[in-house]
Amino acid sequence: MKKYFSLVLFAHSIFAMPFAFIGFFLGIQLVGAQFSWFLLICVILCMVFARNAAMAFNRYLDRDIDAINPRTQDRDIPAGKIKAKEALTFVILNCILFIITTYFINTLCFMLSPVALFVVLFYSYTKRFTPLCHLVLGLGLALAPIGAYIAVTGQFNLIPLFYSFAVLFWVSGFDIIYALQDEGFDKDQNLHSIPSWLGAKKALLLSRVLHIFSALFVVLPIFFIDFTWAYYVGVACFWAMLIYQHSLVKPYDLSKVNRAFATANGYASVVFALFFLLDNYLKS
């Protein structure tokens, strides 16, 4: 179990999981649905299974690339900790478990489950033909809030889409920052990314623009829902973490990329979700 947690970097689930909680409790708030532990556990399991499948498939598909990249040579498959066939089996198992779990949620989630899996798995191919791969990754994680909302309500709504777009631009922006580490390698191997396409300086500028859009989308729900002070504090914390991570990374200094990528964004999602839930509780 430990080696598979290492394969999928289970700790990185902290990025999208809090937004799944936001979508879940937003659904309860907007339609007045009754809270269900069973449904919440199903949503959490879907998040875990989908992310496990996506990350393991990415590691499986990129195993030859990772083996020649000095930064990734010690990843589990090129390092021999996990066999490629084992990783692929793990992907298939998690895909099956994901679809089975959606069956116990509602019909719409079950019908959309192959679409969700296609999006999160397709990302692994995109770096081979388009620098927009970061946006595809963002789209995959953006399914968390709208997916959780549909799990509760069985229907679409505009407001959870605001959070999905916030995640889309937020993840795309910080993935560009993370990809700065491989700018030279991607150019040499004819792989596509924003940094290898635009260069570090313009890539960081684009990342900032995407994060501005993300910051705006967490504000838009204010015009549709009456929030307490807690939500506004959460928005301020989210904005602060976006600003903080950009203060850490410069085109000529990438020494703090991991702090910007993991630490700042981990705090951004968790703290924002906690204040959203506090707002929800204060209004109950």
Protein backbone atom coordinates (compact mmCIF):
# COMPACT_ATOMS: atom_id res chain seq x y z
CA MET A 1 0.00 0.00 0.00
CA LYS A 2 2.83 2.38 0.85
CA LYS A 3 4.43 2.01 -2.57
CA TYR A 4 1.15 2.75 -4.33
CA PHE A 5 0.64 5.85 -2.18
CA SER A 6 4.09 6.91 -3.37
CA LEU A 7 3.17 6.17 -6.99
CA VAL A 8 0.13 8.44 -6.95
CA LEU A 9 1.52 11.06 -4.51
CA PHE A 10 -1.55 10.61 -2.34
CA ALA A 11 -0.74 13.74 -0.32
CA HIS A 12 -1.41 15.86 -3.42
CA SER A 13 -5.10 14.94 -3.15
CA ILE A 14 -5.25 17.98 -0.90
CA PHE A 15 -5.52 20.22 -3.96
CA ALA A 16 -8.93 19.15 -5.31
CA MET A 17 -10.51 17.33 -2.35
CA PRO A 18 -11.44 20.53 -0.43
CA PHE A 19 -13.30 21.81 -3.50
CA ALA A 20 -15.24 18.55 -3.63
CA PHE A 21 -16.40 19.30 -0.08
CA ILE A 22 -17.40 22.78 -1.24
CA GLY A 23 -19.48 21.32 -4.08
CA PHE A 24 -21.05 18.76 -1.74
CA PHE A 25 -22.17 21.22 0.94
CA LEU A 26 -23.12 23.82 -1.67
CA GLY A 27 -25.56 21.27 -3.06
CA ILE A 28 -27.07 20.70 0.39
CA GLN A 29 -27.34 24.46 0.91
CA LEU A 30 -28.95 25.32 -2.44
CA VAL A 31 -31.52 22.53 -2.69
CA GLY A 32 -32.06 21.88 1.01
CA ALA A 33 -31.00 18.25 0.71
CA GLN A 34 -30.48 16.21 3.83
CA PHE A 35 -26.90 15.45 4.82
CA SER A 36 -25.89 11.83 4.21
CA TRP A 37 -22.70 10.22 5.47
CA PHE A 38 -23.09 7.47 2.89
CA LEU A 39 -23.21 9.99 0.06
CA LEU A 40 -20.26 11.96 1.43
CA ILE A 41 -18.17 8.80 1.70
CA CYS A 42 -19.09 7.88 -1.88
CA VAL A 43 -17.97 11.32 -3.09
CA ILE A 44 -14.67 10.99 -1.22
CA LEU A 45 -14.12 7.51 -2.66
CA CYS A 46 -14.83 8.80 -6.18
CA MET A 47 -12.25 11.53 -5.68
CA VAL A 48 -9.68 9.02 -4.44
CA PHE A 49 -10.33 6.45 -7.18
CA ALA A 50 -10.33 9.02 -10.01
CA ARG A 51 -7.15 10.68 -8.81
CA ASN A 52 -5.40 7.34 -8.24
CA ALA A 53 -6.26 6.28 -11.78
CA ALA A 54 -5.16 9.59 -13.29
CA MET A 55 -1.85 9.84 -11.46
CA ALA A 56 -0.90 6.18 -11.88
CA PHE A 57 -1.76 6.34 -15.60
CA ASN A 58 0.41 9.44 -15.94
CA ARG A 59 3.32 7.63 -14.28
CA TYR A 60 2.72 4.57 -16.48
CA LEU A 61 2.54 6.53 -19.72
CA ASP A 62 5.53 8.75 -18.89
CA ARG A 63 7.78 5.98 -17.54
CA ASP A 64 10.29 6.20 -20.42
CA ILE A 65 10.35 10.00 -20.27
CA ASP A 66 10.79 9.96 -16.49
CA ALA A 67 13.69 7.54 -16.84
CA ILE A 68 15.80 10.05 -18.82
CA ASN A 69 14.78 13.20 -16.91
CA PRO A 70 17.25 13.80 -14.06
CA ARG A 71 14.48 15.31 -11.94
CA THR A 72 12.20 12.27 -12.25
CA GLN A 73 14.56 9.31 -12.53
CA ASP A 74 13.81 8.24 -8.97
CA ARG A 75 10.06 7.95 -9.53
CA ASP A 76 8.63 4.55 -8.71
CA ILE A 77 8.45 2.93 -12.15
CA PRO A 78 11.83 4.04 -13.59
CA ALA A 79 13.43 3.31 -10.20
CA GLY A 80 12.02 -0.23 -10.29
CA LYS A 81 9.92 0.12 -7.12
CA ILE A 82 6.76 -0.71 -9.09
CA LYS A 83 6.50 -2.61 -12.37
CA ALA A 84 4.75 -0.95 -15.29
CA LYS A 85 2.21 -3.79 -15.46
CA GLU A 86 1.41 -3.33 -11.76
CA ALA A 87 0.80 0.37 -12.29
CA LEU A 88 -1.52 -0.30 -15.23
CA THR A 89 -3.44 -2.89 -13.22
CA PHE A 90 -3.80 -0.30 -10.45
CA VAL A 91 -5.21 2.18 -13.00
CA ILE A 92 -7.80 -0.29 -14.29
CA LEU A 93 -8.84 -1.31 -10.77
CA ASN A 94 -9.38 2.30 -9.71
CA CYS A 95 -11.36 3.08 -12.86
CA ILE A 96 -13.68 0.13 -12.16
CA LEU A 97 -14.10 1.14 -8.52
CA PHE A 98 -14.85 4.72 -9.57
CA ILE A 99 -17.64 3.65 -11.94
CA ILE A 100 -19.10 1.23 -9.39
CA THR A 101 -19.16 3.93 -6.72
CA THR A 102 -20.97 6.41 -9.00
CA TYR A 103 -23.67 3.77 -9.51
CA PHE A 104 -24.53 4.05 -5.82
CA ILE A 105 -24.75 7.87 -5.99
CA ASN A 106 -27.27 8.63 -8.73
CA THR A 107 -28.01 7.92 -12.38
CA LEU A 108 -26.51 11.14 -13.73
CA CYS A 109 -23.20 10.57 -11.95
CA PHE A 110 -23.11 7.00 -13.25
CA MET A 111 -23.83 8.11 -16.83
CA LEU A 112 -21.13 10.81 -16.66
CA SER A 113 -18.48 8.61 -15.02
CA PRO A 114 -16.83 7.51 -18.32
CA VAL A 115 -16.63 11.18 -19.38
CA ALA A 116 -14.92 12.12 -16.12
CA LEU A 117 -12.44 9.26 -16.47
CA PHE A 118 -11.69 10.22 -20.08
CA VAL A 119 -10.84 13.79 -19.05
CA VAL A 120 -8.55 12.85 -16.16
CA LEU A 121 -6.78 10.09 -18.14
CA PHE A 122 -6.51 12.03 -21.39
CA TYR A 123 -4.37 14.67 -19.70
CA SER A 124 -1.42 12.27 -19.68
CA TYR A 125 -1.24 12.36 -23.50
CA THR A 126 -1.52 16.10 -23.97
CA LYS A 127 2.08 17.08 -23.27
CA ARG A 128 2.98 15.18 -26.42
CA PHE A 129 1.10 17.52 -28.74
CA THR A 130 -0.05 20.76 -27.05
CA PRO A 131 1.31 23.31 -24.55
CA LEU A 132 -2.28 23.67 -23.31
CA CYS A 133 -1.75 20.49 -21.27
CA HIS A 134 -1.87 22.57 -18.08
CA LEU A 135 -5.44 23.61 -18.86
CA VAL A 136 -6.44 19.99 -19.42
CA LEU A 137 -5.02 19.12 -16.01
CA GLY A 138 -6.97 22.03 -14.57
CA LEU A 139 -10.13 20.77 -16.27
CA GLY A 140 -9.67 17.34 -14.69
CA LEU A 141 -9.47 18.76 -11.16
CA ALA A 142 -12.25 21.25 -11.94
CA LEU A 143 -14.66 18.32 -12.08
CA ALA A 144 -14.43 18.04 -8.27
CA PRO A 145 -16.88 20.78 -7.20
CA ILE A 146 -19.42 20.28 -9.98
CA GLY A 147 -19.19 16.49 -9.63
CA ALA A 148 -19.82 16.63 -5.89
CA TYR A 149 -22.70 19.05 -6.44
CA ILE A 150 -24.31 16.67 -8.96
CA ALA A 151 -23.83 13.81 -6.49
CA VAL A 152 -26.03 15.68 -3.99
CA THR A 153 -28.60 17.22 -6.33
CA GLY A 154 -28.61 15.11 -9.49
CA GLN A 155 -28.65 18.28 -11.57
CA PHE A 156 -26.46 21.09 -12.94
CA ASN A 157 -26.28 24.62 -11.57
CA LEU A 158 -24.37 27.78 -12.43
CA ILE A 159 -22.92 28.45 -8.98
CA PRO A 160 -20.82 25.26 -8.62
CA LEU A 161 -19.46 26.01 -12.08
CA PHE A 162 -17.95 29.20 -10.66
CA TYR A 163 -15.89 27.01 -8.31
CA SER A 164 -15.03 24.65 -11.16
CA PHE A 165 -13.67 27.55 -13.21
CA ALA A 166 -11.79 28.79 -10.15
CA VAL A 167 -10.13 25.37 -9.88
CA LEU A 168 -9.49 25.22 -13.64
CA PHE A 169 -7.53 28.50 -13.69
CA TRP A 170 -5.93 27.94 -10.28
CA VAL A 171 -4.54 24.48 -11.15
CA SER A 172 -3.49 25.54 -14.66
CA GLY A 173 -1.59 28.48 -13.18
CA PHE A 174 0.31 26.54 -10.54
CA ASP A 175 1.04 23.67 -12.93
CA ILE A 176 2.77 26.16 -15.21
CA ILE A 177 4.92 27.19 -12.25
CA TYR A 178 5.75 23.53 -11.55
CA ALA A 179 6.60 22.93 -15.24
CA LEU A 180 9.28 25.65 -15.13
CA GLN A 181 11.61 23.02 -13.69
CA ASP A 182 11.51 21.06 -16.97
CA GLU A 183 11.67 23.90 -19.47
CA GLY A 184 15.00 22.83 -20.97
CA PHE A 185 14.25 19.11 -20.84
CA ASP A 186 10.88 19.57 -22.56
CA LYS A 187 12.52 21.54 -25.38
CA ASP A 188 15.19 18.87 -25.87
CA GLN A 189 12.63 16.04 -25.94
CA ASN A 190 10.11 17.91 -28.11
CA LEU A 191 7.55 17.88 -25.30
CA HIS A 192 5.00 20.65 -25.05
CA SER A 193 4.46 22.95 -22.09
CA ILE A 194 3.83 26.65 -21.58
CA PRO A 195 7.38 27.27 -20.24
CA SER A 196 9.04 25.44 -23.15
CA TRP A 197 6.80 27.33 -25.58
CA LEU A 198 6.86 30.86 -24.14
CA GLY A 199 9.94 30.83 -21.92
CA ALA A 200 10.03 31.25 -18.15
CA LYS A 201 9.25 34.99 -18.00
CA LYS A 202 6.15 34.89 -20.21
CA ALA A 203 5.03 31.61 -18.66
CA LEU A 204 5.04 33.19 -15.19
CA LEU A 205 3.11 36.15 -16.54
CA LEU A 206 0.47 33.82 -18.01
CA SER A 207 0.32 31.94 -14.70
CA ARG A 208 -0.43 35.23 -12.92
CA VAL A 209 -3.21 36.03 -15.41
CA LEU A 210 -4.79 32.60 -14.86
CA HIS A 211 -4.64 33.09 -11.11
CA ILE A 212 -6.35 36.47 -11.45
CA PHE A 213 -9.22 34.71 -13.22
CA SER A 214 -9.28 32.09 -10.46
CA ALA A 215 -9.45 34.82 -7.81
CA LEU A 216 -12.38 36.44 -9.63
CA PHE A 217 -14.36 33.21 -9.87
CA VAL A 218 -14.32 32.61 -6.11
CA VAL A 219 -15.86 36.09 -5.77
CA LEU A 220 -18.71 35.60 -8.27
CA PRO A 221 -20.84 33.38 -5.96
CA ILE A 222 -21.19 36.42 -3.66
CA PHE A 223 -23.63 37.89 -6.19
CA PHE A 224 -25.88 34.81 -5.98
CA ILE A 225 -25.64 33.70 -2.33
CA ASP A 226 -25.78 35.60 0.94
CA PHE A 227 -22.53 34.75 2.71
CA THR A 228 -21.39 35.56 6.24
CA TRP A 229 -18.06 37.17 7.12
CA ALA A 230 -16.42 33.72 7.08
CA TYR A 231 -16.61 33.37 3.31
CA TYR A 232 -15.00 36.76 2.76
CA VAL A 233 -12.12 35.77 5.05
CA GLY A 234 -11.73 32.55 3.07
CA VAL A 235 -11.58 34.49 -0.20
CA ALA A 236 -8.96 36.81 1.26
CA CYS A 237 -6.84 33.83 2.39
CA PHE A 238 -7.14 32.23 -1.04
CA TRP A 239 -6.04 35.44 -2.73
CA ALA A 240 -3.15 35.81 -0.28
CA MET A 241 -1.84 32.33 -1.09
CA LEU A 242 -2.00 33.08 -4.83
CA ILE A 243 0.02 36.25 -4.32
CA TYR A 244 2.44 34.49 -1.97
CA GLN A 245 3.34 31.71 -4.39
CA HIS A 246 4.13 34.21 -7.12
CA SER A 247 6.41 36.08 -4.75
CA LEU A 248 8.43 32.89 -4.30
CA VAL A 249 9.22 32.11 -7.94
CA LYS A 250 11.25 34.21 -10.35
CA PRO A 251 12.31 33.39 -13.94
CA TYR A 252 15.93 33.31 -12.77
CA ASP A 253 15.31 31.60 -9.40
CA LEU A 254 13.33 28.35 -9.23
CA SER A 255 14.69 27.22 -5.87
CA LYS A 256 11.32 27.73 -4.16
CA VAL A 257 9.09 26.13 -6.80
CA ASN A 258 8.14 23.20 -4.57
CA ARG A 259 7.14 25.52 -1.74
CA ALA A 260 5.01 27.53 -4.15
CA PHE A 261 3.51 24.42 -5.75
CA ALA A 262 2.77 22.19 -2.76
CA THR A 263 2.73 24.31 0.39
CA ALA A 264 1.04 27.50 -0.82
CA ASN A 265 -1.58 25.72 -2.90
CA GLY A 266 -2.28 23.15 -0.21
CA TYR A 267 -3.01 25.93 2.27
CA ALA A 268 -5.03 27.83 -0.34
CA SER A 269 -7.51 25.01 -0.94
CA VAL A 270 -7.81 23.75 2.65
CA VAL A 271 -8.17 27.15 4.31
CA PHE A 272 -10.64 28.38 1.70
CA ALA A 273 -12.77 25.24 2.10
CA LEU A 274 -12.69 25.49 5.90
CA PHE A 275 -14.01 29.04 5.82
CA PHE A 276 -16.67 28.01 3.28
CA LEU A 277 -17.79 25.25 5.64
CA LEU A 278 -17.71 27.66 8.58
CA ASP A 279 -19.94 30.01 6.61
CA ASN A 280 -22.26 27.08 5.92
CA TYR A 281 -22.38 26.23 9.60
CA LEU A 282 -23.02 29.82 10.71
CA LYS A 283 -26.06 29.99 8.44
CA SER A 284 -27.52 26.67 9.59
